[in-house]
């Protein structure tokens, strides 16, 4: 079975739990994480051995090695990355976005 290459946008307390949960799924692999704070980004990437890091969610969404993205930003910050993920300007968009509640 092909594993889904996952990206996580937002690395607060809940975002880190998404990273941890996705790593435990045999059908998923964490390919990238993204948050604005570089210190937090490096902390989570190192802890979970995530190969790619981004401080700009647009760059993560543009990465062709991402199949699915989990958007776990603050509630008031869900809209922009969600819309960006849903409307990736590519013929065959490969990212599905479901904001965390």
C-alpha atoms as a PDB file:
ATOM      1  CA  UNK A   1       0.000   0.000   0.000  1.00  0.00           C
ATOM      2  CA  UNK A   2       1.286   3.446  -0.921  1.00  0.00           C
ATOM      3  CA  UNK A   3       1.690   5.690   2.103  1.00  0.00           C
ATOM      4  CA  UNK A   4       0.197   9.181   2.035  1.00  0.00           C
ATOM      5  CA  UNK A   5       2.833  11.886   2.374  1.00  0.00           C
ATOM      6  CA  UNK A   6       1.459  14.300   4.959  1.00  0.00           C
ATOM      7  CA  UNK A   7       2.156  17.896   5.827  1.00  0.00           C
ATOM      8  CA  UNK A   8       1.027  19.600   9.027  1.00  0.00           C
ATOM      9  CA  UNK A   9       0.467  23.353   9.145  1.00  0.00           C
ATOM     10  CA  UNK A  10       0.439  24.762  12.664  1.00  0.00           C
ATOM     11  CA  UNK A  11       2.560  23.277  15.439  1.00  0.00           C
ATOM     12  CA  UNK A  12       0.909  24.323  18.641  1.00  0.00           C
ATOM     13  CA  UNK A  13      -0.148  21.742  21.204  1.00  0.00           C
ATOM     14  CA  UNK A  14      -2.841  20.228  18.948  1.00  0.00           C
ATOM     15  CA  UNK A  15      -0.641  20.437  15.852  1.00  0.00           C
ATOM     16  CA  UNK A  16       2.044  18.377  17.544  1.00  0.00           C
ATOM     17  CA  UNK A  17      -0.590  15.804  18.453  1.00  0.00           C
ATOM     18  CA  UNK A  18      -1.555  15.602  14.774  1.00  0.00           C
ATOM     19  CA  UNK A  19       2.081  14.933  13.872  1.00  0.00           C
ATOM     20  CA  UNK A  20       2.296  12.237  16.541  1.00  0.00           C
ATOM     21  CA  UNK A  21      -1.005  10.600  15.511  1.00  0.00           C
ATOM     22  CA  UNK A  22      -0.155  10.619  11.811  1.00  0.00           C
ATOM     23  CA  UNK A  23       3.201   8.999  12.512  1.00  0.00           C
ATOM     24  CA  UNK A  24       1.405   6.107  14.161  1.00  0.00           C
ATOM     25  CA  UNK A  25      -0.719   5.365  11.088  1.00  0.00           C
ATOM     26  CA  UNK A  26       0.809   2.730   8.795  1.00  0.00           C
ATOM     27  CA  UNK A  27      -0.725   4.399   5.737  1.00  0.00           C
ATOM     28  CA  UNK A  28       0.788   7.826   6.474  1.00  0.00           C
ATOM     29  CA  UNK A  29       4.230   9.383   6.663  1.00  0.00           C
ATOM     30  CA  UNK A  30       4.993  12.898   7.871  1.00  0.00           C
ATOM     31  CA  UNK A  31       6.871  14.589   5.052  1.00  0.00           C
ATOM     32  CA  UNK A  32       6.732  18.224   6.179  1.00  0.00           C
ATOM     33  CA  UNK A  33       5.723  20.538   8.993  1.00  0.00           C
ATOM     34  CA  UNK A  34       5.069  24.259   8.950  1.00  0.00           C
ATOM     35  CA  UNK A  35       4.777  27.024  11.516  1.00  0.00           C
ATOM     36  CA  UNK A  36       5.848  30.669  11.726  1.00  0.00           C
ATOM     37  CA  UNK A  37       8.166  30.205  14.708  1.00  0.00           C
ATOM     38  CA  UNK A  38      11.467  28.737  13.524  1.00  0.00           C
ATOM     39  CA  UNK A  39      12.447  27.542  17.018  1.00  0.00           C
ATOM     40  CA  UNK A  40       9.215  25.536  17.357  1.00  0.00           C
ATOM     41  CA  UNK A  41       9.563  24.285  13.791  1.00  0.00           C
ATOM     42  CA  UNK A  42      13.018  22.851  14.445  1.00  0.00           C
ATOM     43  CA  UNK A  43      11.945  21.405  17.806  1.00  0.00           C
ATOM     44  CA  UNK A  44       9.046  19.412  16.329  1.00  0.00           C
ATOM     45  CA  UNK A  45      10.942  18.412  13.170  1.00  0.00           C
ATOM     46  CA  UNK A  46      13.801  17.047  15.247  1.00  0.00           C
ATOM     47  CA  UNK A  47      11.562  15.268  17.769  1.00  0.00           C
ATOM     48  CA  UNK A  48       9.545  13.472  15.064  1.00  0.00           C
ATOM     49  CA  UNK A  49      12.307  13.237  12.427  1.00  0.00           C
ATOM     50  CA  UNK A  50      10.391  15.212   9.828  1.00  0.00           C
ATOM     51  CA  UNK A  51      12.566  15.794   6.750  1.00  0.00           C
ATOM     52  CA  UNK A  52      11.065  19.064   5.471  1.00  0.00           C
ATOM     53  CA  UNK A  53      10.285  22.271   7.334  1.00  0.00           C
ATOM     54  CA  UNK A  54       8.529  25.426   6.213  1.00  0.00           C
ATOM     55  CA  UNK A  55       7.694  28.779   7.775  1.00  0.00           C
ATOM     56  CA  UNK A  56       5.440  29.634   4.812  1.00  0.00           C
ATOM     57  CA  UNK A  57       2.401  27.380   4.321  1.00  0.00           C
ATOM     58  CA  UNK A  58       2.268  28.348   0.632  1.00  0.00           C
ATOM     59  CA  UNK A  59       5.682  26.757   0.101  1.00  0.00           C
ATOM     60  CA  UNK A  60       4.543  23.577   1.847  1.00  0.00           C
ATOM     61  CA  UNK A  61       1.405  23.442  -0.297  1.00  0.00           C
ATOM     62  CA  UNK A  62       3.483  23.898  -3.453  1.00  0.00           C
ATOM     63  CA  UNK A  63       5.690  20.923  -2.585  1.00  0.00           C
ATOM     64  CA  UNK A  64       4.852  18.095  -5.023  1.00  0.00           C
ATOM     65  CA  UNK A  65       5.842  15.530  -2.397  1.00  0.00           C
ATOM     66  CA  UNK A  66       2.839  16.391  -0.193  1.00  0.00           C
ATOM     67  CA  UNK A  67      -0.338  14.359  -0.757  1.00  0.00           C
ATOM     68  CA  UNK A  68      -2.459  15.586   2.135  1.00  0.00           C
ATOM     69  CA  UNK A  69      -2.273  18.429   4.622  1.00  0.00           C
ATOM     70  CA  UNK A  70      -3.610  18.838   8.132  1.00  0.00           C
ATOM     71  CA  UNK A  71      -4.324  22.470   8.976  1.00  0.00           C
ATOM     72  CA  UNK A  72      -4.036  22.917  12.724  1.00  0.00           C
ATOM     73  CA  UNK A  73      -3.532  26.647  13.065  1.00  0.00           C
ATOM     74  CA  UNK A  74      -5.375  28.801  15.616  1.00  0.00           C
ATOM     75  CA  UNK A  75      -9.109  28.733  14.883  1.00  0.00           C
ATOM     76  CA  UNK A  76      -9.095  32.278  13.533  1.00  0.00           C
ATOM     77  CA  UNK A  77      -6.231  31.404  11.189  1.00  0.00           C
ATOM     78  CA  UNK A  78      -7.778  28.349   9.453  1.00  0.00           C
ATOM     79  CA  UNK A  79      -9.346  30.146   6.508  1.00  0.00           C
ATOM     80  CA  UNK A  80      -6.359  31.350   4.481  1.00  0.00           C
ATOM     81  CA  UNK A  81      -4.322  28.105   4.457  1.00  0.00           C
ATOM     82  CA  UNK A  82      -7.490  26.062   3.905  1.00  0.00           C
ATOM     83  CA  UNK A  83      -8.497  28.111   0.872  1.00  0.00           C
ATOM     84  CA  UNK A  84      -4.929  28.040  -0.406  1.00  0.00           C
ATOM     85  CA  UNK A  85      -4.907  24.236  -0.127  1.00  0.00           C
ATOM     86  CA  UNK A  86      -8.276  23.855  -1.812  1.00  0.00           C
ATOM     87  CA  UNK A  87      -7.401  26.156  -4.691  1.00  0.00           C
ATOM     88  CA  UNK A  88      -3.850  25.135  -5.519  1.00  0.00           C
ATOM     89  CA  UNK A  89      -3.203  26.549  -8.992  1.00  0.00           C
ATOM     90  CA  UNK A  90      -2.337  23.227 -10.591  1.00  0.00           C
ATOM     91  CA  UNK A  91      -4.281  21.132 -13.074  1.00  0.00           C
ATOM     92  CA  UNK A  92      -4.308  18.054 -10.875  1.00  0.00           C
ATOM     93  CA  UNK A  93      -4.445  19.319  -7.321  1.00  0.00           C
ATOM     94  CA  UNK A  94      -3.402  16.498  -5.044  1.00  0.00           C
ATOM     95  CA  UNK A  95      -4.053  18.073  -1.651  1.00  0.00           C
ATOM     96  CA  UNK A  96      -7.231  17.650   0.368  1.00  0.00           C
ATOM     97  CA  UNK A  97      -7.658  19.997   3.319  1.00  0.00           C
ATOM     98  CA  UNK A  98      -9.872  19.488   6.329  1.00  0.00           C
ATOM     99  CA  UNK A  99      -9.394  22.048   9.088  1.00  0.00           C
ATOM    100  CA  UNK A 100      -9.134  20.751  12.645  1.00  0.00           C
ATOM    101  CA  UNK A 101     -11.970  21.707  14.945  1.00  0.00           C
END
